[in-house]
Amino acid sequence: MKHLKKKQLEELRNLLIQERERVLSHMEKLTASQEILEANANMGDTADVAHIEISQNNISKIGLREAKLLKKIDEALARFDSKEYGICQNCGEPIPFERLRVRPVATLCIECKNEEELRERRYGGKIEYEDEDSFESEERGETPFEEVDEEEI
């Protein structure tokens, strides 16, 4: 973490904490929506019941993604405490501040992430690693956790 200034570390930690709060709030809303759907599951005709089941399935998928993101945020915050934040878990080199600002849960430097993506393409599919990009690439929004073109960083 020596490559990051104190102000940069504070900014990144704040981004993680804010995103954690947003995810927790969203998960609470999903839980409330799920409960409402479950309460109405036996009401209505077949089409209504099918619609409710589809909605429940979608809420469940979103909840799983949010839970994975929450886990990655908590792991990133733990790396702050162990002084390992901002260090590539593959090669041990510093992850540039610009990358961490865009993707505060990043665990790989750009070079290692590019190598991983090449392996995935070569072997025809996602290779499961405990990396930061296993599900967030599907997520789009106005948070610093969205995917960006690696060449921009």
Protein backbone atom coordinates (compact mmCIF):
# COMPACT_ATOMS: atom_id res chain seq x y z
CA MET A 1 0.00 0.00 0.00
CA LYS A 2 3.06 2.21 0.04
CA HIS A 3 2.38 3.19 -3.56
CA LEU A 4 -0.91 4.80 -2.47
CA LYS A 5 -1.01 8.11 -0.63
CA LYS A 6 -2.99 8.46 2.58
CA LYS A 7 -5.60 10.65 0.82
CA GLN A 8 -5.98 8.05 -1.96
CA LEU A 9 -6.42 5.26 0.58
CA GLU A 10 -9.08 7.26 2.40
CA GLU A 11 -10.92 7.90 -0.87
CA LEU A 12 -10.85 4.22 -1.79
CA ARG A 13 -11.95 3.08 1.67
CA ASN A 14 -14.82 5.60 1.55
CA LEU A 15 -15.89 4.31 -1.86
CA LEU A 16 -15.96 0.77 -0.50
CA ILE A 17 -17.92 1.78 2.59
CA GLN A 18 -20.45 3.77 0.55
CA GLU A 19 -20.91 0.88 -1.87
CA ARG A 20 -21.30 -1.53 1.04
CA GLU A 21 -24.07 0.64 2.49
CA ARG A 22 -25.77 0.84 -0.91
CA VAL A 23 -25.63 -2.93 -1.36
CA LEU A 24 -26.99 -3.60 2.13
CA SER A 25 -29.84 -1.16 1.53
CA HIS A 26 -30.61 -2.75 -1.83
CA MET A 27 -30.58 -6.22 -0.28
CA GLU A 28 -33.08 -5.07 2.36
CA LYS A 29 -35.38 -3.77 -0.37
CA LEU A 30 -35.04 -7.04 -2.27
CA THR A 31 -35.94 -8.99 0.85
CA ALA A 32 -39.03 -6.82 1.38
CA SER A 33 -40.05 -7.30 -2.27
CA GLN A 34 -39.54 -11.04 -1.96
CA GLU A 35 -41.75 -11.14 1.13
CA ILE A 36 -44.53 -9.23 -0.65
CA LEU A 37 -44.34 -11.59 -3.62
CA GLU A 38 -44.44 -14.64 -1.37
CA ALA A 39 -47.50 -13.26 0.42
CA ASN A 40 -49.27 -12.88 -2.93
CA ALA A 41 -48.00 -16.15 -4.43
CA ASN A 42 -51.28 -18.00 -4.02
CA MET A 43 -53.52 -15.19 -5.23
CA GLY A 44 -54.65 -14.68 -8.78
CA ASP A 45 -54.84 -16.88 -11.82
CA THR A 46 -52.15 -19.05 -13.39
CA ALA A 47 -50.62 -16.14 -15.31
CA ASP A 48 -50.36 -14.07 -12.14
CA VAL A 49 -48.70 -16.93 -10.28
CA ALA A 50 -46.24 -17.46 -13.16
CA HIS A 51 -45.42 -13.74 -13.17
CA ILE A 52 -44.80 -13.84 -9.42
CA GLU A 53 -42.50 -16.86 -9.78
CA ILE A 54 -40.49 -15.14 -12.50
CA SER A 55 -40.22 -12.01 -10.36
CA GLN A 56 -39.09 -14.08 -7.38
CA ASN A 57 -36.44 -15.76 -9.53
CA ASN A 58 -35.15 -12.40 -10.78
CA ILE A 59 -35.04 -10.97 -7.27
CA SER A 60 -33.16 -14.04 -6.12
CA LYS A 61 -30.54 -13.68 -8.89
CA ILE A 62 -30.04 -10.01 -8.10
CA GLY A 63 -29.74 -10.84 -4.41
CA LEU A 64 -27.06 -13.44 -5.12
CA ARG A 65 -25.05 -10.94 -7.16
CA GLU A 66 -25.38 -8.35 -4.45
CA ALA A 67 -24.28 -10.90 -1.83
CA LYS A 68 -21.19 -11.72 -3.91
CA LEU A 69 -20.40 -8.03 -4.29
CA LEU A 70 -20.84 -7.51 -0.56
CA LYS A 71 -18.39 -10.34 0.09
CA LYS A 72 -15.84 -8.78 -2.26
CA ILE A 73 -16.25 -5.39 -0.60
CA ASP A 74 -15.74 -6.94 2.84
CA GLU A 75 -12.66 -8.77 1.55
CA ALA A 76 -11.28 -5.50 0.14
CA LEU A 77 -11.86 -3.76 3.47
CA ALA A 78 -10.09 -6.65 5.22
CA ARG A 79 -7.12 -6.16 2.87
CA PHE A 80 -6.93 -2.58 4.12
CA ASP A 81 -6.56 -3.87 7.67
CA SER A 82 -3.89 -6.39 6.69
CA LYS A 83 -2.05 -3.77 4.59
CA GLU A 84 -2.50 -5.90 1.44
CA TYR A 85 -4.98 -3.61 -0.31
CA GLY A 86 -3.88 -2.44 -3.73
CA ILE A 87 -1.43 -5.30 -4.28
CA CYS A 88 -2.04 -7.76 -7.13
CA GLN A 89 -2.86 -11.15 -5.68
CA ASN A 90 -1.22 -12.84 -8.65
CA CYS A 91 2.11 -11.08 -9.21
CA GLY A 92 2.45 -8.97 -6.05
CA GLU A 93 2.88 -5.72 -7.95
CA PRO A 94 1.00 -2.54 -6.97
CA ILE A 95 -2.41 -1.99 -8.59
CA PRO A 96 -2.51 1.60 -9.91
CA PHE A 97 -4.74 4.07 -8.08
CA GLU A 98 -6.63 4.81 -11.30
CA ARG A 99 -7.71 1.17 -11.57
CA LEU A 100 -8.66 0.95 -7.90
CA ARG A 101 -10.67 4.15 -8.14
CA VAL A 102 -12.75 2.67 -10.96
CA ARG A 103 -12.84 -0.80 -9.41
CA PRO A 104 -12.13 -0.63 -5.66
CA VAL A 105 -12.60 -4.40 -5.24
CA ALA A 106 -9.89 -5.17 -7.82
CA THR A 107 -7.47 -7.89 -6.78
CA LEU A 108 -5.45 -8.11 -9.99
CA CYS A 109 -3.33 -5.57 -11.81
CA ILE A 110 -4.27 -4.86 -15.41
CA GLU A 111 -1.58 -7.12 -16.85
CA CYS A 112 -2.66 -10.13 -14.75
CA LYS A 113 -6.33 -9.43 -15.46
CA ASN A 114 -5.62 -9.32 -19.20
CA GLU A 115 -3.74 -12.64 -18.96
CA GLU A 116 -6.70 -14.18 -17.13
CA GLU A 117 -9.11 -12.98 -19.83
CA LEU A 118 -6.87 -14.42 -22.55
CA ARG A 119 -6.89 -17.80 -20.79
CA GLU A 120 -10.68 -17.64 -20.51
CA ARG A 121 -11.06 -16.95 -24.23
CA ARG A 122 -8.55 -19.62 -25.12
CA TYR A 123 -10.32 -22.27 -23.07
CA GLY A 124 -13.80 -21.20 -24.13
CA GLY A 125 -15.44 -19.88 -21.03
CA LYS A 126 -15.07 -18.38 -17.64
CA ILE A 127 -12.40 -19.96 -15.51
CA GLU A 128 -13.56 -19.63 -11.94
CA TYR A 129 -11.07 -17.74 -9.83
CA GLU A 130 -11.69 -15.82 -6.69
CA ASP A 131 -11.22 -12.71 -8.76
CA GLU A 132 -13.12 -9.48 -8.68
CA ASP A 133 -14.83 -9.85 -12.04
CA SER A 134 -16.80 -13.07 -11.74
CA PHE A 135 -20.19 -11.39 -11.76
CA GLU A 136 -19.95 -7.62 -11.76
CA SER A 137 -19.42 -7.42 -15.51
CA GLU A 138 -23.15 -8.11 -15.81
CA GLU A 139 -23.88 -5.23 -13.50
CA ARG A 140 -24.14 -1.79 -15.02
CA GLY A 141 -24.83 1.39 -13.14
CA GLU A 142 -23.50 4.65 -11.85
CA THR A 143 -21.12 3.25 -9.28
CA PRO A 144 -17.33 3.07 -9.27
CA PHE A 145 -17.73 -0.70 -9.43
CA GLU A 146 -18.68 -0.90 -13.09
CA GLU A 147 -16.55 -2.51 -15.76
CA VAL A 148 -14.42 -0.27 -17.92
CA ASP A 149 -12.22 -0.92 -20.87
CA GLU A 150 -8.84 -1.87 -19.38
CA GLU A 151 -7.09 0.30 -21.97
CA GLU A 152 -8.68 3.40 -20.41
CA ILE A 153 -6.75 2.86 -17.20
